[in-house]
Amino acid sequence: MLVAFSVAPAVAADDTGSVSEAVAAAIRVVRESGLPNRTDAMFTTIEGEWDEVMAVVKAATDAVAATAPRVSLVLKADIRPGFTDMLTAKIASVERQLDV
């Protein structure tokens, strides 16, 4: 399964509005998990089995919660049993269509 998620404090820590420190703590959890992952400007996507992916999402959320009294979590899942390496395969499929 693929899970794309965004987790951040619901309220910025200072008057600049930046939440990058808390977001970095969440991404650190994801990268240390060992699961395939990719981070872009809006979401982090991780790939694995249901229980292991959800455990990482929870740990990443807990990392943000350690720095903020309120946390926002957005999650989207692609549940497709029997398929692996979809983190790269889905992008490759679209790129092939663009080359046609």
PDB file of N, CA and C in Angstrom:
ATOM      1  N   MET A   1       0.830  -1.175   0.000  1.00  0.00           N
ATOM      2  CA  MET A   1       0.000   0.000   0.000  1.00  0.00           C
ATOM      3  C   MET A   1       0.871   1.234   0.000  1.00  0.00           C
ATOM      4  N   LEU A   2       0.350   2.279  -0.612  1.00  0.00           N
ATOM      5  CA  LEU A   2       0.995   3.587  -0.577  1.00  0.00           C
ATOM      6  C   LEU A   2       0.156   4.494   0.307  1.00  0.00           C
ATOM      7  N   VAL A   3       0.818   5.270   1.142  1.00  0.00           N
ATOM      8  CA  VAL A   3       0.132   6.271   1.946  1.00  0.00           C
ATOM      9  C   VAL A   3       0.855   7.593   1.759  1.00  0.00           C
ATOM     10  N   ALA A   4       0.123   8.577   1.272  1.00  0.00           N
ATOM     11  CA  ALA A   4       0.630   9.937   1.179  1.00  0.00           C
ATOM     12  C   ALA A   4       0.031  10.698   2.349  1.00  0.00           C
ATOM     13  N   PHE A   5       0.893  11.345   3.123  1.00  0.00           N
ATOM     14  CA  PHE A   5       0.364  12.082   4.257  1.00  0.00           C
ATOM     15  C   PHE A   5       1.127  13.370   4.491  1.00  0.00           C
ATOM     16  N   SER A   6       0.434  14.276   5.139  1.00  0.00           N
ATOM     17  CA  SER A   6       1.004  15.553   5.534  1.00  0.00           C
ATOM     18  C   SER A   6       0.651  15.748   6.992  1.00  0.00           C
ATOM     19  N   VAL A   7       1.656  16.002   7.806  1.00  0.00           N
ATOM     20  CA  VAL A   7       1.413  16.232   9.219  1.00  0.00           C
ATOM     21  C   VAL A   7       2.193  17.477   9.632  1.00  0.00           C
ATOM     22  N   ALA A   8       1.524  18.341  10.380  1.00  0.00           N
ATOM     23  CA  ALA A   8       2.150  19.587  10.806  1.00  0.00           C
ATOM     24  C   ALA A   8       1.397  20.140  12.008  1.00  0.00           C
ATOM     25  N   PRO A   9       2.051  21.008  12.762  1.00  0.00           N
ATOM     26  CA  PRO A   9       1.325  21.680  13.840  1.00  0.00           C
ATOM     27  C   PRO A   9       0.176  22.493  13.246  1.00  0.00           C
ATOM     28  N   ALA A  10      -0.943  22.511  13.918  1.00  0.00           N
ATOM     29  CA  ALA A  10      -2.074  23.306  13.451  1.00  0.00           C
ATOM     30  C   ALA A  10      -1.814  24.796  13.674  1.00  0.00           C
ATOM     31  N   VAL A  11      -0.887  25.101  14.575  1.00  0.00           N
ATOM     32  CA  VAL A  11      -0.512  26.479  14.885  1.00  0.00           C
ATOM     33  C   VAL A  11       1.003  26.574  14.804  1.00  0.00           C
ATOM     34  N   ALA A  12       1.501  27.572  14.103  1.00  0.00           N
ATOM     35  CA  ALA A  12       2.946  27.763  13.970  1.00  0.00           C
ATOM     36  C   ALA A  12       3.571  28.076  15.322  1.00  0.00           C
ATOM     37  N   ALA A  13       4.827  27.677  15.461  1.00  0.00           N
ATOM     38  CA  ALA A  13       5.545  27.881  16.713  1.00  0.00           C
ATOM     39  C   ALA A  13       5.954  29.333  16.938  1.00  0.00           C
ATOM     40  N   ASP A  14       6.044  30.106  15.860  1.00  0.00           N
ATOM     41  CA  ASP A  14       6.453  31.506  16.000  1.00  0.00           C
ATOM     42  C   ASP A  14       5.697  32.379  15.008  1.00  0.00           C
ATOM     43  N   ASP A  15       5.996  33.666  15.007  1.00  0.00           N
ATOM     44  CA  ASP A  15       5.242  34.600  14.170  1.00  0.00           C
ATOM     45  C   ASP A  15       5.621  34.564  12.690  1.00  0.00           C
ATOM     46  N   THR A  16       6.614  33.742  12.320  1.00  0.00           N
ATOM     47  CA  THR A  16       6.956  33.620  10.902  1.00  0.00           C
ATOM     48  C   THR A  16       6.008  32.676  10.174  1.00  0.00           C
ATOM     49  N   GLY A  17       5.285  31.853  10.929  1.00  0.00           N
ATOM     50  CA  GLY A  17       4.373  30.890  10.320  1.00  0.00           C
ATOM     51  C   GLY A  17       5.042  29.595   9.911  1.00  0.00           C
ATOM     52  N   SER A  18       6.338  29.488  10.145  1.00  0.00           N
ATOM     53  CA  SER A  18       7.073  28.288   9.740  1.00  0.00           C
ATOM     54  C   SER A  18       6.741  27.101  10.642  1.00  0.00           C
ATOM     55  N   VAL A  19       6.576  25.953  10.015  1.00  0.00           N
ATOM     56  CA  VAL A  19       6.384  24.698  10.752  1.00  0.00           C
ATOM     57  C   VAL A  19       7.467  23.689  10.357  1.00  0.00           C
ATOM     58  N   SER A  20       8.514  24.173   9.705  1.00  0.00           N
ATOM     59  CA  SER A  20       9.517  23.274   9.127  1.00  0.00           C
ATOM     60  C   SER A  20      10.241  22.427  10.165  1.00  0.00           C
ATOM     61  N   GLU A  21      10.479  22.947  11.355  1.00  0.00           N
ATOM     62  CA  GLU A  21      11.183  22.162  12.367  1.00  0.00           C
ATOM     63  C   GLU A  21      10.358  20.944  12.780  1.00  0.00           C
ATOM     64  N   ALA A  22       9.078  21.136  13.010  1.00  0.00           N
ATOM     65  CA  ALA A  22       8.197  20.025  13.391  1.00  0.00           C
ATOM     66  C   ALA A  22       8.023  19.045  12.237  1.00  0.00           C
ATOM     67  N   VAL A  23       7.890  19.566  11.030  1.00  0.00           N
ATOM     68  CA  VAL A  23       7.747  18.697   9.854  1.00  0.00           C
ATOM     69  C   VAL A  23       9.011  17.866   9.662  1.00  0.00           C
ATOM     70  N   ALA A  24      10.168  18.477   9.876  1.00  0.00           N
ATOM     71  CA  ALA A  24      11.435  17.738   9.757  1.00  0.00           C
ATOM     72  C   ALA A  24      11.496  16.589  10.755  1.00  0.00           C
ATOM     73  N   ALA A  25      10.967  16.795  11.951  1.00  0.00           N
ATOM     74  CA  ALA A  25      10.939  15.717  12.941  1.00  0.00           C
ATOM     75  C   ALA A  25      10.088  14.551  12.450  1.00  0.00           C
ATOM     76  N   ALA A  26       8.974  14.851  11.799  1.00  0.00           N
ATOM     77  CA  ALA A  26       8.109  13.805  11.250  1.00  0.00           C
ATOM     78  C   ALA A  26       8.805  13.069  10.112  1.00  0.00           C
ATOM     79  N   ILE A  27       9.445  13.799   9.232  1.00  0.00           N
ATOM     80  CA  ILE A  27      10.134  13.175   8.096  1.00  0.00           C
ATOM     81  C   ILE A  27      11.308  12.323   8.574  1.00  0.00           C
ATOM     82  N   ARG A  28      11.968  12.760   9.626  1.00  0.00           N
ATOM     83  CA  ARG A  28      13.058  11.963  10.206  1.00  0.00           C
ATOM     84  C   ARG A  28      12.540  10.589  10.644  1.00  0.00           C
ATOM     85  N   VAL A  29      11.362  10.566  11.259  1.00  0.00           N
ATOM     86  CA  VAL A  29      10.744   9.299  11.673  1.00  0.00           C
ATOM     87  C   VAL A  29      10.508   8.407  10.461  1.00  0.00           C
ATOM     88  N   VAL A  30       9.987   8.984   9.392  1.00  0.00           N
ATOM     89  CA  VAL A  30       9.703   8.217   8.175  1.00  0.00           C
ATOM     90  C   VAL A  30      10.993   7.637   7.611  1.00  0.00           C
ATOM     91  N   ARG A  31      12.015   8.455   7.471  1.00  0.00           N
ATOM     92  CA  ARG A  31      13.273   7.991   6.879  1.00  0.00           C
ATOM     93  C   ARG A  31      13.952   6.935   7.731  1.00  0.00           C
ATOM     94  N   GLU A  32      13.844   7.057   9.043  1.00  0.00           N
ATOM     95  CA  GLU A  32      14.442   6.063   9.935  1.00  0.00           C
ATOM     96  C   GLU A  32      13.662   4.756   9.971  1.00  0.00           C
ATOM     97  N   SER A  33      12.440   4.759   9.429  1.00  0.00           N
ATOM     98  CA  SER A  33      11.607   3.548   9.435  1.00  0.00           C
ATOM     99  C   SER A  33      12.155   2.466   8.522  1.00  0.00           C
ATOM    100  N   GLY A  34      12.898   2.869   7.507  1.00  0.00           N
ATOM    101  CA  GLY A  34      13.404   1.898   6.537  1.00  0.00           C
ATOM    102  C   GLY A  34      12.431   1.587   5.423  1.00  0.00           C
ATOM    103  N   LEU A  35      11.205   2.102   5.496  1.00  0.00           N
ATOM    104  CA  LEU A  35      10.233   1.872   4.421  1.00  0.00           C
ATOM    105  C   LEU A  35      10.567   2.777   3.239  1.00  0.00           C
ATOM    106  N   PRO A  36      10.279   2.310   2.017  1.00  0.00           N
ATOM    107  CA  PRO A  36      10.461   3.191   0.863  1.00  0.00           C
ATOM    108  C   PRO A  36       9.621   4.455   1.055  1.00  0.00           C
ATOM    109  N   ASN A  37      10.208   5.603   0.753  1.00  0.00           N
ATOM    110  CA  ASN A  37       9.484   6.855   0.953  1.00  0.00           C
ATOM    111  C   ASN A  37       9.987   7.930   0.008  1.00  0.00           C
ATOM    112  N   ARG A  38       9.167   8.936  -0.151  1.00  0.00           N
ATOM    113  CA  ARG A  38       9.512  10.092  -0.986  1.00  0.00           C
ATOM    114  C   ARG A  38       8.804  11.299  -0.380  1.00  0.00           C
ATOM    115  N   THR A  39       9.522  12.402  -0.268  1.00  0.00           N
ATOM    116  CA  THR A  39       8.940  13.630   0.259  1.00  0.00           C
ATOM    117  C   THR A  39       8.982  14.703  -0.811  1.00  0.00           C
ATOM    118  N   ASP A  40       7.862  15.410  -0.968  1.00  0.00           N
ATOM    119  CA  ASP A  40       7.842  16.573  -1.860  1.00  0.00           C
ATOM    120  C   ASP A  40       7.361  17.772  -1.049  1.00  0.00           C
ATOM    121  N   ALA A  41       7.039  18.844  -1.704  1.00  0.00           N
ATOM    122  CA  ALA A  41       6.690  20.077  -1.000  1.00  0.00           C
ATOM    123  C   ALA A  41       5.415  19.976  -0.168  1.00  0.00           C
ATOM    124  N   MET A  42       4.537  19.041  -0.508  1.00  0.00           N
ATOM    125  CA  MET A  42       3.247  18.975   0.178  1.00  0.00           C
ATOM    126  C   MET A  42       2.994  17.689   0.971  1.00  0.00           C
ATOM    127  N   PHE A  43       3.561  16.571   0.531  1.00  0.00           N
ATOM    128  CA  PHE A  43       3.274  15.280   1.149  1.00  0.00           C
ATOM    129  C   PHE A  43       4.523  14.419   1.248  1.00  0.00           C
ATOM    130  N   THR A  44       4.461  13.468   2.155  1.00  0.00           N
ATOM    131  CA  THR A  44       5.432  12.383   2.206  1.00  0.00           C
ATOM    132  C   THR A  44       4.661  11.114   1.889  1.00  0.00           C
ATOM    133  N   THR A  45       5.196  10.307   0.976  1.00  0.00           N
ATOM    134  CA  THR A  45       4.560   9.047   0.600  1.00  0.00           C
ATOM    135  C   THR A  45       5.441   7.911   1.085  1.00  0.00           C
ATOM    136  N   ILE A  46       4.822   6.927   1.716  1.00  0.00           N
ATOM    137  CA  ILE A  46       5.541   5.749   2.175  1.00  0.00           C
ATOM    138  C   ILE A  46       4.839   4.506   1.649  1.00  0.00           C
ATOM    139  N   GLU A  47       5.627   3.441   1.497  1.00  0.00           N
ATOM    140  CA  GLU A  47       5.095   2.192   0.961  1.00  0.00           C
ATOM    141  C   GLU A  47       5.404   1.043   1.900  1.00  0.00           C
ATOM    142  N   GLY A  48       4.409   0.193   2.102  1.00  0.00           N
ATOM    143  CA  GLY A  48       4.600  -0.980   2.942  1.00  0.00           C
ATOM    144  C   GLY A  48       3.268  -1.640   3.237  1.00  0.00           C
ATOM    145  N   GLU A  49       3.292  -2.535   4.190  1.00  0.00           N
ATOM    146  CA  GLU A  49       2.071  -3.207   4.617  1.00  0.00           C
ATOM    147  C   GLU A  49       1.291  -2.299   5.571  1.00  0.00           C
ATOM    148  N   TRP A  50      -0.012  -2.528   5.649  1.00  0.00           N
ATOM    149  CA  TRP A  50      -0.917  -1.677   6.410  1.00  0.00           C
ATOM    150  C   TRP A  50      -0.381  -1.335   7.810  1.00  0.00           C
ATOM    151  N   ASP A  51      -0.098  -2.353   8.609  1.00  0.00           N
ATOM    152  CA  ASP A  51       0.292  -2.118  10.002  1.00  0.00           C
ATOM    153  C   ASP A  51       1.605  -1.351  10.117  1.00  0.00           C
ATOM    154  N   GLU A  52       2.573  -1.670   9.265  1.00  0.00           N
ATOM    155  CA  GLU A  52       3.852  -0.971   9.372  1.00  0.00           C
ATOM    156  C   GLU A  52       3.746   0.476   8.891  1.00  0.00           C
ATOM    157  N   VAL A  53       2.975   0.719   7.834  1.00  0.00           N
ATOM    158  CA  VAL A  53       2.801   2.086   7.340  1.00  0.00           C
ATOM    159  C   VAL A  53       2.054   2.926   8.373  1.00  0.00           C
ATOM    160  N   MET A  54       0.972   2.396   8.921  1.00  0.00           N
ATOM    161  CA  MET A  54       0.195   3.160   9.896  1.00  0.00           C
ATOM    162  C   MET A  54       0.986   3.421  11.172  1.00  0.00           C
ATOM    163  N   ALA A  55       1.851   2.494  11.545  1.00  0.00           N
ATOM    164  CA  ALA A  55       2.701   2.711  12.713  1.00  0.00           C
ATOM    165  C   ALA A  55       3.657   3.881  12.475  1.00  0.00           C
ATOM    166  N   VAL A  56       4.165   3.998  11.261  1.00  0.00           N
ATOM    167  CA  VAL A  56       5.064   5.111  10.930  1.00  0.00           C
ATOM    168  C   VAL A  56       4.291   6.428  10.911  1.00  0.00           C
ATOM    169  N   VAL A  57       3.089   6.427  10.344  1.00  0.00           N
ATOM    170  CA  VAL A  57       2.269   7.643  10.337  1.00  0.00           C
ATOM    171  C   VAL A  57       1.983   8.082  11.772  1.00  0.00           C
ATOM    172  N   LYS A  58       1.659   7.145  12.638  1.00  0.00           N
ATOM    173  CA  LYS A  58       1.401   7.476  14.044  1.00  0.00           C
ATOM    174  C   LYS A  58       2.650   8.039  14.700  1.00  0.00           C
ATOM    175  N   ALA A  59       3.794   7.404  14.493  1.00  0.00           N
ATOM    176  CA  ALA A  59       5.037   7.883  15.104  1.00  0.00           C
ATOM    177  C   ALA A  59       5.409   9.272  14.588  1.00  0.00           C
ATOM    178  N   ALA A  60       5.195   9.518  13.303  1.00  0.00           N
ATOM    179  CA  ALA A  60       5.476  10.836  12.736  1.00  0.00           C
ATOM    180  C   ALA A  60       4.534  11.880  13.334  1.00  0.00           C
ATOM    181  N   THR A  61       3.276  11.510  13.517  1.00  0.00           N
ATOM    182  CA  THR A  61       2.309  12.412  14.129  1.00  0.00           C
ATOM    183  C   THR A  61       2.681  12.697  15.582  1.00  0.00           C
ATOM    184  N   ASP A  62       3.120  11.674  16.282  1.00  0.00           N
ATOM    185  CA  ASP A  62       3.559  11.849  17.669  1.00  0.00           C
ATOM    186  C   ASP A  62       4.773  12.776  17.751  1.00  0.00           C
ATOM    187  N   ALA A  63       5.660  12.698  16.761  1.00  0.00           N
ATOM    188  CA  ALA A  63       6.841  13.572  16.743  1.00  0.00           C
ATOM    189  C   ALA A  63       6.422  15.031  16.614  1.00  0.00           C
ATOM    190  N   VAL A  64       5.429  15.293  15.786  1.00  0.00           N
ATOM    191  CA  VAL A  64       4.924  16.663  15.652  1.00  0.00           C
ATOM    192  C   VAL A  64       4.190  17.076  16.926  1.00  0.00           C
ATOM    193  N   ALA A  65       3.408  16.183  17.483  1.00  0.00           N
ATOM    194  CA  ALA A  65       2.642  16.489  18.695  1.00  0.00           C
ATOM    195  C   ALA A  65       3.553  16.830  19.876  1.00  0.00           C
ATOM    196  N   ALA A  66       4.774  16.341  19.845  1.00  0.00           N
ATOM    197  CA  ALA A  66       5.721  16.653  20.913  1.00  0.00           C
ATOM    198  C   ALA A  66       6.120  18.128  20.901  1.00  0.00           C
ATOM    199  N   THR A  67       5.872  18.809  19.777  1.00  0.00           N
ATOM    200  CA  THR A  67       6.268  20.214  19.660  1.00  0.00           C
ATOM    201  C   THR A  67       5.078  21.165  19.586  1.00  0.00           C
ATOM    202  N   ALA A  68       3.866  20.627  19.552  1.00  0.00           N
ATOM    203  CA  ALA A  68       2.694  21.484  19.345  1.00  0.00           C
ATOM    204  C   ALA A  68       1.485  20.942  20.104  1.00  0.00           C
ATOM    205  N   PRO A  69       0.626  21.843  20.566  1.00  0.00           N
ATOM    206  CA  PRO A  69      -0.561  21.393  21.299  1.00  0.00           C
ATOM    207  C   PRO A  69      -1.677  20.855  20.402  1.00  0.00           C
ATOM    208  N   ARG A  70      -1.563  21.130  19.105  1.00  0.00           N
ATOM    209  CA  ARG A  70      -2.599  20.685  18.159  1.00  0.00           C
ATOM    210  C   ARG A  70      -1.923  20.320  16.850  1.00  0.00           C
ATOM    211  N   VAL A  71      -2.343  19.188  16.250  1.00  0.00           N
ATOM    212  CA  VAL A  71      -1.699  18.662  15.045  1.00  0.00           C
ATOM    213  C   VAL A  71      -2.740  18.441  13.952  1.00  0.00           C
ATOM    214  N   SER A  72      -2.352  18.763  12.721  1.00  0.00           N
ATOM    215  CA  SER A  72      -3.192  18.509  11.552  1.00  0.00           C
ATOM    216  C   SER A  72      -2.581  17.355  10.768  1.00  0.00           C
ATOM    217  N   LEU A  73      -3.412  16.371  10.416  1.00  0.00           N
ATOM    218  CA  LEU A  73      -2.960  15.210   9.646  1.00  0.00           C
ATOM    219  C   LEU A  73      -3.891  15.014   8.454  1.00  0.00           C
ATOM    220  N   VAL A  74      -3.310  14.950   7.257  1.00  0.00           N
ATOM    221  CA  VAL A  74      -4.047  14.643   6.032  1.00  0.00           C
ATOM    222  C   VAL A  74      -3.443  13.353   5.491  1.00  0.00           C
ATOM    223  N   LEU A  75      -4.301  12.390   5.148  1.00  0.00           N
ATOM    224  CA  LEU A  75      -3.806  11.084   4.715  1.00  0.00           C
ATOM    225  C   LEU A  75      -4.604  10.586   3.515  1.00  0.00           C
ATOM    226  N   LYS A  76      -3.891  10.040   2.538  1.00  0.00           N
ATOM    227  CA  LYS A  76      -4.529   9.415   1.377  1.00  0.00           C
ATOM    228  C   LYS A  76      -3.838   8.080   1.154  1.00  0.00           C
ATOM    229  N   ALA A  77      -4.609   7.017   0.947  1.00  0.00           N
ATOM    230  CA  ALA A  77      -4.037   5.682   0.797  1.00  0.00           C
ATOM    231  C   ALA A  77      -4.453   5.038  -0.516  1.00  0.00           C
ATOM    232  N   ASP A  78      -3.515   4.317  -1.111  1.00  0.00           N
ATOM    233  CA  ASP A  78      -3.777   3.492  -2.295  1.00  0.00           C
ATOM    234  C   ASP A  78      -3.539   2.051  -1.854  1.00  0.00           C
ATOM    235  N   ILE A  79      -4.617   1.323  -1.636  1.00  0.00           N
ATOM    236  CA  ILE A  79      -4.539  -0.038  -1.112  1.00  0.00           C
ATOM    237  C   ILE A  79      -4.737  -0.997  -2.273  1.00  0.00           C
ATOM    238  N   ARG A  80      -3.662  -1.676  -2.651  1.00  0.00           N
ATOM    239  CA  ARG A  80      -3.679  -2.554  -3.821  1.00  0.00           C
ATOM    240  C   ARG A  80      -2.888  -3.823  -3.498  1.00  0.00           C
ATOM    241  N   PRO A  81      -3.540  -4.810  -2.861  1.00  0.00           N
ATOM    242  CA  PRO A  81      -2.852  -6.027  -2.450  1.00  0.00           C
ATOM    243  C   PRO A  81      -2.147  -6.723  -3.626  1.00  0.00           C
ATOM    244  N   GLY A  82      -0.985  -7.249  -3.330  1.00  0.00           N
ATOM    245  CA  GLY A  82      -0.237  -8.006  -4.329  1.00  0.00           C
ATOM    246  C   GLY A  82       0.696  -7.169  -5.186  1.00  0.00           C
ATOM    247  N   PHE A  83       0.696  -5.867  -5.009  1.00  0.00           N
ATOM    248  CA  PHE A  83       1.568  -5.002  -5.794  1.00  0.00           C
ATOM    249  C   PHE A  83       2.622  -4.386  -4.888  1.00  0.00           C
ATOM    250  N   THR A  84       3.860  -4.370  -5.370  1.00  0.00           N
ATOM    251  CA  THR A  84       4.954  -3.765  -4.624  1.00  0.00           C
ATOM    252  C   THR A  84       5.705  -2.810  -5.539  1.00  0.00           C
ATOM    253  N   ASP A  85       6.565  -2.022  -4.954  1.00  0.00           N
ATOM    254  CA  ASP A  85       7.378  -1.027  -5.663  1.00  0.00           C
ATOM    255  C   ASP A  85       6.506  -0.038  -6.441  1.00  0.00           C
ATOM    256  N   MET A  86       5.334   0.235  -5.926  1.00  0.00           N
ATOM    257  CA  MET A  86       4.427   1.158  -6.604  1.00  0.00           C
ATOM    258  C   MET A  86       4.867   2.613  -6.447  1.00  0.00           C
ATOM    259  N   LEU A  87       5.713   2.883  -5.488  1.00  0.00           N
ATOM    260  CA  LEU A  87       6.216   4.242  -5.289  1.00  0.00           C
ATOM    261  C   LEU A  87       6.914   4.741  -6.549  1.00  0.00           C
ATOM    262  N   THR A  88       7.604   3.845  -7.244  1.00  0.00           N
ATOM    263  CA  THR A  88       8.263   4.225  -8.494  1.00  0.00           C
ATOM    264  C   THR A  88       7.505   3.733  -9.726  1.00  0.00           C
ATOM    265  N   ALA A  89       6.836   2.604  -9.625  1.00  0.00           N
ATOM    266  CA  ALA A  89       6.160   2.026 -10.784  1.00  0.00           C
ATOM    267  C   ALA A  89       5.015   2.900 -11.290  1.00  0.00           C
ATOM    268  N   LYS A  90       4.281   3.533 -10.389  1.00  0.00           N
ATOM    269  CA  LYS A  90       3.167   4.384 -10.815  1.00  0.00           C
ATOM    270  C   LYS A  90       3.673   5.590 -11.604  1.00  0.00           C
ATOM    271  N   ILE A  91       4.771   6.157 -11.154  1.00  0.00           N
ATOM    272  CA  ILE A  91       5.347   7.303 -11.865  1.00  0.00           C
ATOM    273  C   ILE A  91       5.878   6.862 -13.224  1.00  0.00           C
ATOM    274  N   ALA A  92       6.541   5.727 -13.279  1.00  0.00           N
ATOM    275  CA  ALA A  92       7.077   5.213 -14.542  1.00  0.00           C
ATOM    276  C   ALA A  92       5.955   4.964 -15.547  1.00  0.00           C
ATOM    277  N   SER A  93       4.830   4.465 -15.080  1.00  0.00           N
ATOM    278  CA  SER A  93       3.691   4.207 -15.965  1.00  0.00           C
ATOM    279  C   SER A  93       3.181   5.504 -16.595  1.00  0.00           C
ATOM    280  N   VAL A  94       3.064   6.539 -15.810  1.00  0.00           N
ATOM    281  CA  VAL A  94       2.610   7.830 -16.338  1.00  0.00           C
ATOM    282  C   VAL A  94       3.643   8.401 -17.309  1.00  0.00           C
ATOM    283  N   GLU A  95       4.913   8.283 -16.963  1.00  0.00           N
ATOM    284  CA  GLU A  95       5.968   8.788 -17.854  1.00  0.00           C
ATOM    285  C   GLU A  95       5.940   8.077 -19.200  1.00  0.00           C
ATOM    286  N   ARG A  96       5.670   6.770 -19.189  1.00  0.00           N
ATOM    287  CA  ARG A  96       5.559   6.023 -20.465  1.00  0.00           C
ATOM    288  C   ARG A  96       4.413   6.577 -21.309  1.00  0.00           C
ATOM    289  N   GLN A  97       3.303   6.910 -20.674  1.00  0.00           N
ATOM    290  CA  GLN A  97       2.170   7.462 -21.399  1.00  0.00           C
ATOM    291  C   GLN A  97       2.506   8.841 -21.985  1.00  0.00           C
ATOM    292  N   LEU A  98       3.310   9.604 -21.288  1.00  0.00           N
ATOM    293  CA  LEU A  98       3.702  10.928 -21.772  1.00  0.00           C
ATOM    294  C   LEU A  98       4.659  10.844 -22.959  1.00  0.00           C
ATOM    295  N   ASP A  99       5.394   9.739 -23.040  1.00  0.00           N
ATOM    296  CA  ASP A  99       6.345   9.546 -24.151  1.00  0.00           C
ATOM    297  C   ASP A  99       5.664   9.097 -25.425  1.00  0.00           C
ATOM    298  N   VAL A 100       4.404   8.686 -25.347  1.00  0.00           N
ATOM    299  CA  VAL A 100       3.679   8.162 -26.521  1.00  0.00           C
ATOM    300  C   VAL A 100       3.353   9.282 -27.474  1.00  0.00           C
TER     301      VAL A 100
END
